PDB file of N, CA and C in Angstrom:
ATOM      1  N   MET A   1      -6.662  -6.554 -34.452  1.00  0.00           N
ATOM      2  CA  MET A   1      -7.276  -5.232 -34.396  1.00  0.00           C
ATOM      3  C   MET A   1      -7.447  -4.725 -35.825  1.00  0.00           C
ATOM      4  N   THR A   2      -8.608  -4.247 -36.166  1.00  0.00           N
ATOM      5  CA  THR A   2      -8.853  -3.734 -37.508  1.00  0.00           C
ATOM      6  C   THR A   2      -8.390  -2.293 -37.618  1.00  0.00           C
ATOM      7  N   MET A   3      -8.301  -1.801 -38.831  1.00  0.00           N
ATOM      8  CA  MET A   3      -7.859  -0.433 -39.079  1.00  0.00           C
ATOM      9  C   MET A   3      -8.791   0.594 -38.428  1.00  0.00           C
ATOM     10  N   ASN A   4     -10.058   0.247 -38.288  1.00  0.00           N
ATOM     11  CA  ASN A   4     -11.029   1.184 -37.722  1.00  0.00           C
ATOM     12  C   ASN A   4     -11.122   1.096 -36.204  1.00  0.00           C
ATOM     13  N   SER A   5     -10.394   0.151 -35.613  1.00  0.00           N
ATOM     14  CA  SER A   5     -10.455   0.001 -34.160  1.00  0.00           C
ATOM     15  C   SER A   5      -9.783   1.175 -33.475  1.00  0.00           C
ATOM     16  N   LYS A   6     -10.369   1.565 -32.384  1.00  0.00           N
ATOM     17  CA  LYS A   6      -9.813   2.641 -31.585  1.00  0.00           C
ATOM     18  C   LYS A   6      -8.752   2.042 -30.660  1.00  0.00           C
ATOM     19  N   THR A   7      -7.578   2.656 -30.617  1.00  0.00           N
ATOM     20  CA  THR A   7      -6.542   2.184 -29.718  1.00  0.00           C
ATOM     21  C   THR A   7      -6.954   2.513 -28.291  1.00  0.00           C
ATOM     22  N   VAL A   8      -6.956   1.500 -27.456  1.00  0.00           N
ATOM     23  CA  VAL A   8      -7.351   1.685 -26.066  1.00  0.00           C
ATOM     24  C   VAL A   8      -6.094   1.883 -25.229  1.00  0.00           C
ATOM     25  N   LYS A   9      -6.023   3.013 -24.568  1.00  0.00           N
ATOM     26  CA  LYS A   9      -4.910   3.284 -23.669  1.00  0.00           C
ATOM     27  C   LYS A   9      -5.390   3.046 -22.252  1.00  0.00           C
ATOM     28  N   THR A  10      -4.547   2.428 -21.473  1.00  0.00           N
ATOM     29  CA  THR A  10      -4.856   2.259 -20.064  1.00  0.00           C
ATOM     30  C   THR A  10      -4.469   3.544 -19.356  1.00  0.00           C
ATOM     31  N   ASN A  11      -5.324   3.991 -18.481  1.00  0.00           N
ATOM     32  CA  ASN A  11      -5.069   5.185 -17.682  1.00  0.00           C
ATOM     33  C   ASN A  11      -4.842   4.751 -16.242  1.00  0.00           C
ATOM     34  N   TYR A  12      -3.935   5.421 -15.583  1.00  0.00           N
ATOM     35  CA  TYR A  12      -3.547   5.041 -14.234  1.00  0.00           C
ATOM     36  C   TYR A  12      -3.675   6.210 -13.269  1.00  0.00           C
ATOM     37  N   VAL A  13      -4.055   5.896 -12.054  1.00  0.00           N
ATOM     38  CA  VAL A  13      -3.923   6.808 -10.923  1.00  0.00           C
ATOM     39  C   VAL A  13      -2.845   6.187 -10.069  1.00  0.00           C
ATOM     40  N   TYR A  14      -1.934   7.000  -9.579  1.00  0.00           N
ATOM     41  CA  TYR A  14      -0.820   6.450  -8.829  1.00  0.00           C
ATOM     42  C   TYR A  14      -0.492   7.307  -7.611  1.00  0.00           C
ATOM     43  N   ILE A  15       0.169   6.678  -6.658  1.00  0.00           N
ATOM     44  CA  ILE A  15       0.683   7.381  -5.490  1.00  0.00           C
ATOM     45  C   ILE A  15       2.165   7.050  -5.402  1.00  0.00           C
ATOM     46  N   VAL A  16       2.982   8.089  -5.308  1.00  0.00           N
ATOM     47  CA  VAL A  16       4.406   7.887  -5.092  1.00  0.00           C
ATOM     48  C   VAL A  16       4.785   8.428  -3.721  1.00  0.00           C
ATOM     49  N   LYS A  17       5.792   7.806  -3.148  1.00  0.00           N
ATOM     50  CA  LYS A  17       6.361   8.310  -1.904  1.00  0.00           C
ATOM     51  C   LYS A  17       7.591   9.113  -2.292  1.00  0.00           C
ATOM     52  N   CYS A  18       7.628  10.361  -1.859  1.00  0.00           N
ATOM     53  CA  CYS A  18       8.758  11.235  -2.161  1.00  0.00           C
ATOM     54  C   CYS A  18       9.886  10.998  -1.169  1.00  0.00           C
ATOM     55  N   ASN A  19      11.058  11.477  -1.511  1.00  0.00           N
ATOM     56  CA  ASN A  19      12.244  11.310  -0.676  1.00  0.00           C
ATOM     57  C   ASN A  19      12.066  11.897   0.722  1.00  0.00           C
ATOM     58  N   ASP A  20      11.213  12.919   0.858  1.00  0.00           N
ATOM     59  CA  ASP A  20      10.980  13.524   2.177  1.00  0.00           C
ATOM     60  C   ASP A  20       9.864  12.827   2.954  1.00  0.00           C
ATOM     61  N   GLY A  21       9.356  11.710   2.414  1.00  0.00           N
ATOM     62  CA  GLY A  21       8.325  10.935   3.098  1.00  0.00           C
ATOM     63  C   GLY A  21       6.896  11.333   2.760  1.00  0.00           C
ATOM     64  N   THR A  22       6.715  12.408   2.014  1.00  0.00           N
ATOM     65  CA  THR A  22       5.368  12.826   1.633  1.00  0.00           C
ATOM     66  C   THR A  22       4.854  11.950   0.496  1.00  0.00           C
ATOM     67  N   LEU A  23       3.546  11.983   0.299  1.00  0.00           N
ATOM     68  CA  LEU A  23       2.904  11.218  -0.762  1.00  0.00           C
ATOM     69  C   LEU A  23       2.387  12.176  -1.827  1.00  0.00           C
ATOM     70  N   TYR A  24       2.523  11.780  -3.082  1.00  0.00           N
ATOM     71  CA  TYR A  24       2.016  12.563  -4.208  1.00  0.00           C
ATOM     72  C   TYR A  24       1.122  11.658  -5.040  1.00  0.00           C
ATOM     73  N   THR A  25      -0.042  12.167  -5.413  1.00  0.00           N
ATOM     74  CA  THR A  25      -0.999  11.429  -6.240  1.00  0.00           C
ATOM     75  C   THR A  25      -1.129  12.102  -7.596  1.00  0.00           C
ATOM     76  N   GLY A  26      -1.141  11.297  -8.649  1.00  0.00           N
ATOM     77  CA  GLY A  26      -1.309  11.826 -10.001  1.00  0.00           C
ATOM     78  C   GLY A  26      -1.988  10.807 -10.896  1.00  0.00           C
ATOM     79  N   TRP A  27      -2.134  11.163 -12.175  1.00  0.00           N
ATOM     80  CA  TRP A  27      -2.699  10.226 -13.153  1.00  0.00           C
ATOM     81  C   TRP A  27      -1.862  10.314 -14.422  1.00  0.00           C
ATOM     82  N   THR A  28      -1.880   9.257 -15.200  1.00  0.00           N
ATOM     83  CA  THR A  28      -1.119   9.198 -16.445  1.00  0.00           C
ATOM     84  C   THR A  28      -1.661   8.086 -17.326  1.00  0.00           C
ATOM     85  N   ASN A  29      -1.258   8.078 -18.583  1.00  0.00           N
ATOM     86  CA  ASN A  29      -1.584   6.941 -19.445  1.00  0.00           C
ATOM     87  C   ASN A  29      -0.316   6.152 -19.789  1.00  0.00           C
ATOM     88  N   ASN A  30       0.808   6.508 -19.133  1.00  0.00           N
ATOM     89  CA  ASN A  30       2.054   5.775 -19.303  1.00  0.00           C
ATOM     90  C   ASN A  30       2.785   5.800 -17.961  1.00  0.00           C
ATOM     91  N   LEU A  31       2.480   4.843 -17.126  1.00  0.00           N
ATOM     92  CA  LEU A  31       2.953   4.845 -15.743  1.00  0.00           C
ATOM     93  C   LEU A  31       4.479   4.797 -15.642  1.00  0.00           C
ATOM     94  N   GLU A  32       5.093   3.911 -16.384  1.00  0.00           N
ATOM     95  CA  GLU A  32       6.549   3.772 -16.327  1.00  0.00           C
ATOM     96  C   GLU A  32       7.245   5.086 -16.703  1.00  0.00           C
ATOM     97  N   LYS A  33       6.792   5.704 -17.794  1.00  0.00           N
ATOM     98  CA  LYS A  33       7.382   6.970 -18.239  1.00  0.00           C
ATOM     99  C   LYS A  33       7.141   8.077 -17.216  1.00  0.00           C
ATOM    100  N   ARG A  34       5.972   8.100 -16.636  1.00  0.00           N
ATOM    101  CA  ARG A  34       5.635   9.162 -15.676  1.00  0.00           C
ATOM    102  C   ARG A  34       6.520   9.085 -14.429  1.00  0.00           C
ATOM    103  N   ILE A  35       6.743   7.881 -13.917  1.00  0.00           N
ATOM    104  CA  ILE A  35       7.610   7.735 -12.749  1.00  0.00           C
ATOM    105  C   ILE A  35       9.032   8.159 -13.113  1.00  0.00           C
ATOM    106  N   LYS A  36       9.497   7.758 -14.291  1.00  0.00           N
ATOM    107  CA  LYS A  36      10.824   8.177 -14.765  1.00  0.00           C
ATOM    108  C   LYS A  36      10.889   9.698 -14.868  1.00  0.00           C
ATOM    109  N   ASP A  37       9.837  10.308 -15.420  1.00  0.00           N
ATOM    110  CA  ASP A  37       9.799  11.774 -15.541  1.00  0.00           C
ATOM    111  C   ASP A  37       9.898  12.434 -14.166  1.00  0.00           C
ATOM    112  N   HIS A  38       9.165  11.913 -13.201  1.00  0.00           N
ATOM    113  CA  HIS A  38       9.246  12.467 -11.840  1.00  0.00           C
ATOM    114  C   HIS A  38      10.693  12.403 -11.344  1.00  0.00           C
ATOM    115  N   ASN A  39      11.331  11.274 -11.530  1.00  0.00           N
ATOM    116  CA  ASN A  39      12.687  11.096 -11.030  1.00  0.00           C
ATOM    117  C   ASN A  39      13.738  11.852 -11.839  1.00  0.00           C
ATOM    118  N   ASP A  40      13.400  12.231 -13.058  1.00  0.00           N
ATOM    119  CA  ASP A  40      14.297  13.046 -13.878  1.00  0.00           C
ATOM    120  C   ASP A  40      14.052  14.543 -13.678  1.00  0.00           C
ATOM    121  N   GLY A  41      13.121  14.883 -12.770  1.00  0.00           N
ATOM    122  CA  GLY A  41      12.827  16.293 -12.520  1.00  0.00           C
ATOM    123  C   GLY A  41      11.895  16.911 -13.542  1.00  0.00           C
ATOM    124  N   LYS A  42      11.257  16.083 -14.378  1.00  0.00           N
ATOM    125  CA  LYS A  42      10.345  16.573 -15.417  1.00  0.00           C
ATOM    126  C   LYS A  42       8.882  16.337 -15.056  1.00  0.00           C
ATOM    127  N   GLY A  43       8.654  15.789 -13.876  1.00  0.00           N
ATOM    128  CA  GLY A  43       7.288  15.508 -13.449  1.00  0.00           C
ATOM    129  C   GLY A  43       6.645  16.754 -12.872  1.00  0.00           C
ATOM    130  N   ALA A  44       5.859  16.574 -11.869  1.00  0.00           N
ATOM    131  CA  ALA A  44       5.147  17.681 -11.232  1.00  0.00           C
ATOM    132  C   ALA A  44       6.119  18.581 -10.469  1.00  0.00           C
ATOM    133  N   LYS A  45       5.749  19.832 -10.363  1.00  0.00           N
ATOM    134  CA  LYS A  45       6.545  20.795  -9.604  1.00  0.00           C
ATOM    135  C   LYS A  45       6.763  20.294  -8.171  1.00  0.00           C
ATOM    136  N   TYR A  46       5.739  19.687  -7.592  1.00  0.00           N
ATOM    137  CA  TYR A  46       5.811  19.204  -6.214  1.00  0.00           C
ATOM    138  C   TYR A  46       6.926  18.176  -6.029  1.00  0.00           C
ATOM    139  N   THR A  47       7.061  17.263  -6.972  1.00  0.00           N
ATOM    140  CA  THR A  47       8.038  16.180  -6.806  1.00  0.00           C
ATOM    141  C   THR A  47       9.445  16.582  -7.232  1.00  0.00           C
ATOM    142  N   LYS A  48       9.575  17.660  -7.967  1.00  0.00           N
ATOM    143  CA  LYS A  48      10.876  18.067  -8.506  1.00  0.00           C
ATOM    144  C   LYS A  48      11.940  18.198  -7.412  1.00  0.00           C
ATOM    145  N   SER A  49      11.580  18.788  -6.295  1.00  0.00           N
ATOM    146  CA  SER A  49      12.549  18.991  -5.209  1.00  0.00           C
ATOM    147  C   SER A  49      12.478  17.880  -4.156  1.00  0.00           C
ATOM    148  N   ARG A  50      11.707  16.834  -4.437  1.00  0.00           N
ATOM    149  CA  ARG A  50      11.524  15.754  -3.465  1.00  0.00           C
ATOM    150  C   ARG A  50      11.924  14.395  -4.049  1.00  0.00           C
ATOM    151  N   ARG A  51      12.859  14.404  -4.962  1.00  0.00           N
ATOM    152  CA  ARG A  51      13.315  13.181  -5.622  1.00  0.00           C
ATOM    153  C   ARG A  51      14.345  12.461  -4.765  1.00  0.00           C
ATOM    154  N   PRO A  52      14.464  11.156  -4.971  1.00  0.00           N
ATOM    155  CA  PRO A  52      13.689  10.328  -5.896  1.00  0.00           C
ATOM    156  C   PRO A  52      12.331   9.958  -5.316  1.00  0.00           C
ATOM    157  N   VAL A  53      11.435   9.583  -6.221  1.00  0.00           N
ATOM    158  CA  VAL A  53      10.126   9.100  -5.797  1.00  0.00           C
ATOM    159  C   VAL A  53      10.061   7.599  -6.054  1.00  0.00           C
ATOM    160  N   VAL A  54       9.225   6.926  -5.263  1.00  0.00           N
ATOM    161  CA  VAL A  54       9.040   5.480  -5.403  1.00  0.00           C
ATOM    162  C   VAL A  54       7.552   5.209  -5.558  1.00  0.00           C
ATOM    163  N   LEU A  55       7.201   4.447  -6.576  1.00  0.00           N
ATOM    164  CA  LEU A  55       5.806   4.081  -6.793  1.00  0.00           C
ATOM    165  C   LEU A  55       5.324   3.211  -5.648  1.00  0.00           C
ATOM    166  N   GLU A  56       4.260   3.631  -4.994  1.00  0.00           N
ATOM    167  CA  GLU A  56       3.694   2.891  -3.862  1.00  0.00           C
ATOM    168  C   GLU A  56       2.383   2.207  -4.203  1.00  0.00           C
ATOM    169  N   TYR A  57       1.636   2.754  -5.177  1.00  0.00           N
ATOM    170  CA  TYR A  57       0.275   2.269  -5.416  1.00  0.00           C
ATOM    171  C   TYR A  57      -0.199   2.756  -6.779  1.00  0.00           C
ATOM    172  N   TYR A  58      -1.005   1.938  -7.453  1.00  0.00           N
ATOM    173  CA  TYR A  58      -1.666   2.414  -8.670  1.00  0.00           C
ATOM    174  C   TYR A  58      -2.953   1.645  -8.909  1.00  0.00           C
ATOM    175  N   GLU A  59      -3.840   2.271  -9.671  1.00  0.00           N
ATOM    176  CA  GLU A  59      -5.093   1.669 -10.121  1.00  0.00           C
ATOM    177  C   GLU A  59      -5.194   1.903 -11.621  1.00  0.00           C
ATOM    178  N   LYS A  60      -5.852   0.990 -12.340  1.00  0.00           N
ATOM    179  CA  LYS A  60      -6.034   1.103 -13.788  1.00  0.00           C
ATOM    180  C   LYS A  60      -7.467   1.504 -14.117  1.00  0.00           C
ATOM    181  N   PHE A  61      -7.610   2.310 -15.167  1.00  0.00           N
ATOM    182  CA  PHE A  61      -8.922   2.747 -15.646  1.00  0.00           C
ATOM    183  C   PHE A  61      -8.942   2.745 -17.167  1.00  0.00           C
ATOM    184  N   GLU A  62     -10.129   2.576 -17.729  1.00  0.00           N
ATOM    185  CA  GLU A  62     -10.272   2.581 -19.185  1.00  0.00           C
ATOM    186  C   GLU A  62     -10.247   3.996 -19.762  1.00  0.00           C
ATOM    187  N   THR A  63     -10.777   4.967 -19.019  1.00  0.00           N
ATOM    188  CA  THR A  63     -10.848   6.316 -19.570  1.00  0.00           C
ATOM    189  C   THR A  63     -10.074   7.322 -18.722  1.00  0.00           C
ATOM    190  N   LYS A  64      -9.655   8.362 -19.384  1.00  0.00           N
ATOM    191  CA  LYS A  64      -8.961   9.471 -18.715  1.00  0.00           C
ATOM    192  C   LYS A  64      -9.862  10.093 -17.656  1.00  0.00           C
ATOM    193  N   GLU A  65     -11.128  10.223 -17.982  1.00  0.00           N
ATOM    194  CA  GLU A  65     -12.080  10.843 -17.067  1.00  0.00           C
ATOM    195  C   GLU A  65     -12.223  10.046 -15.771  1.00  0.00           C
ATOM    196  N   GLU A  66     -12.277   8.718 -15.893  1.00  0.00           N
ATOM    197  CA  GLU A  66     -12.351   7.864 -14.696  1.00  0.00           C
ATOM    198  C   GLU A  66     -11.104   8.031 -13.833  1.00  0.00           C
ATOM    199  N   ALA A  67      -9.958   8.048 -14.484  1.00  0.00           N
ATOM    200  CA  ALA A  67      -8.692   8.199 -13.757  1.00  0.00           C
ATOM    201  C   ALA A  67      -8.624   9.552 -13.062  1.00  0.00           C
ATOM    202  N   MET A  68      -9.011  10.602 -13.751  1.00  0.00           N
ATOM    203  CA  MET A  68      -8.962  11.944 -13.174  1.00  0.00           C
ATOM    204  C   MET A  68      -9.941  12.083 -12.009  1.00  0.00           C
ATOM    205  N   SER A  69     -11.094  11.454 -12.129  1.00  0.00           N
ATOM    206  CA  SER A  69     -12.081  11.485 -11.052  1.00  0.00           C
ATOM    207  C   SER A  69     -11.545  10.765  -9.818  1.00  0.00           C
ATOM    208  N   ARG A  70     -10.909   9.620 -10.028  1.00  0.00           N
ATOM    209  CA  ARG A  70     -10.337   8.870  -8.910  1.00  0.00           C
ATOM    210  C   ARG A  70      -9.164   9.632  -8.285  1.00  0.00           C
ATOM    211  N   GLU A  71      -8.351  10.262  -9.122  1.00  0.00           N
ATOM    212  CA  GLU A  71      -7.236  11.072  -8.612  1.00  0.00           C
ATOM    213  C   GLU A  71      -7.769  12.151  -7.672  1.00  0.00           C
ATOM    214  N   TYR A  72      -8.822  12.828  -8.088  1.00  0.00           N
ATOM    215  CA  TYR A  72      -9.427  13.877  -7.277  1.00  0.00           C
ATOM    216  C   TYR A  72      -9.902  13.318  -5.935  1.00  0.00           C
ATOM    217  N   ALA A  73     -10.537  12.155  -5.976  1.00  0.00           N
ATOM    218  CA  ALA A  73     -11.035  11.528  -4.746  1.00  0.00           C
ATOM    219  C   ALA A  73      -9.888  11.159  -3.808  1.00  0.00           C
ATOM    220  N   ILE A  74      -8.820  10.613  -4.360  1.00  0.00           N
ATOM    221  CA  ILE A  74      -7.671  10.239  -3.525  1.00  0.00           C
ATOM    222  C   ILE A  74      -7.008  11.476  -2.933  1.00  0.00           C
ATOM    223  N   LYS A  75      -6.903  12.527  -3.704  1.00  0.00           N
ATOM    224  CA  LYS A  75      -6.270  13.755  -3.208  1.00  0.00           C
ATOM    225  C   LYS A  75      -7.043  14.362  -2.038  1.00  0.00           C
ATOM    226  N   LYS A  76      -8.321  14.051  -1.923  1.00  0.00           N
ATOM    227  CA  LYS A  76      -9.121  14.559  -0.809  1.00  0.00           C
ATOM    228  C   LYS A  76      -8.933  13.732   0.467  1.00  0.00           C
ATOM    229  N   LEU A  77      -8.311  12.558   0.353  1.00  0.00           N
ATOM    230  CA  LEU A  77      -8.072  11.719   1.523  1.00  0.00           C
ATOM    231  C   LEU A  77      -6.958  12.312   2.386  1.00  0.00           C
ATOM    232  N   ASN A  78      -7.016  12.039   3.682  1.00  0.00           N
ATOM    233  CA  ASN A  78      -5.911  12.460   4.541  1.00  0.00           C
ATOM    234  C   ASN A  78      -4.799  11.410   4.474  1.00  0.00           C
ATOM    235  N   ARG A  79      -3.689  11.692   5.111  1.00  0.00           N
ATOM    236  CA  ARG A  79      -2.517  10.814   5.053  1.00  0.00           C
ATOM    237  C   ARG A  79      -2.848   9.400   5.532  1.00  0.00           C
ATOM    238  N   LYS A  80      -3.535   9.303   6.647  1.00  0.00           N
ATOM    239  CA  LYS A  80      -3.859   7.982   7.214  1.00  0.00           C
ATOM    240  C   LYS A  80      -4.724   7.180   6.238  1.00  0.00           C
ATOM    241  N   GLN A  81      -5.697   7.834   5.630  1.00  0.00           N
ATOM    242  CA  GLN A  81      -6.565   7.154   4.659  1.00  0.00           C
ATOM    243  C   GLN A  81      -5.763   6.686   3.444  1.00  0.00           C
ATOM    244  N   LYS A  82      -4.797   7.487   3.008  1.00  0.00           N
ATOM    245  CA  LYS A  82      -3.933   7.089   1.875  1.00  0.00           C
ATOM    246  C   LYS A  82      -3.077   5.894   2.262  1.00  0.00           C
ATOM    247  N   GLU A  83      -2.587   5.876   3.496  1.00  0.00           N
ATOM    248  CA  GLU A  83      -1.787   4.747   3.966  1.00  0.00           C
ATOM    249  C   GLU A  83      -2.609   3.461   3.973  1.00  0.00           C
ATOM    250  N   VAL A  84      -3.868   3.572   4.385  1.00  0.00           N
ATOM    251  CA  VAL A  84      -4.768   2.407   4.369  1.00  0.00           C
ATOM    252  C   VAL A  84      -4.964   1.947   2.922  1.00  0.00           C
ATOM    253  N   LEU A  85      -5.158   2.884   2.007  1.00  0.00           N
ATOM    254  CA  LEU A  85      -5.329   2.557   0.584  1.00  0.00           C
ATOM    255  C   LEU A  85      -4.094   1.836   0.049  1.00  0.00           C
ATOM    256  N   ILE A  86      -2.948   2.342   0.386  1.00  0.00           N
ATOM    257  CA  ILE A  86      -1.685   1.727  -0.052  1.00  0.00           C
ATOM    258  C   ILE A  86      -1.540   0.337   0.559  1.00  0.00           C
ATOM    259  N   GLY A  87      -2.081   0.187   1.771  1.00  0.00           N
ATOM    260  CA  GLY A  87      -2.062  -1.124   2.400  1.00  0.00           C
ATOM    261  C   GLY A  87      -0.976  -1.310   3.428  1.00  0.00           C
ATOM    262  N   ARG A  88      -0.420  -0.199   3.874  1.00  0.00           N
ATOM    263  CA  ARG A  88       0.596  -0.296   4.911  1.00  0.00           C
ATOM    264  C   ARG A  88       0.759   1.049   5.612  1.00  0.00           C
ATOM    265  N   THR A  89       1.413   1.033   6.718  1.00  0.00           N
ATOM    266  CA  THR A  89       1.718   2.270   7.434  1.00  0.00           C
ATOM    267  C   THR A  89       3.127   2.681   7.046  1.00  0.00           C
ATOM    268  N   ILE A  90       3.242   3.910   6.642  1.00  0.00           N
ATOM    269  CA  ILE A  90       4.543   4.426   6.211  1.00  0.00           C
ATOM    270  C   ILE A  90       5.253   5.054   7.390  1.00  0.00           C
TER     271      ILE A  90
END
């Protein structure tokens, strides 16, 4: 990589299963850290009282905008559609 090269960060959309059985969808550019943050109570307000969370699904994107657009689309899905996306019935 040359000095003028732009560092490419991978962006992720993810679905976690919360301790109460609900699903939460988000996006990040550091998946491992984000899941840890959720479990440390530093993630989203929604997951703070529903710990621990378990990563169920993720997709990779080149840009933040692509990831955010996909996150929005997934959040519009109902529970059954999310289960199909994850690939199993919860």
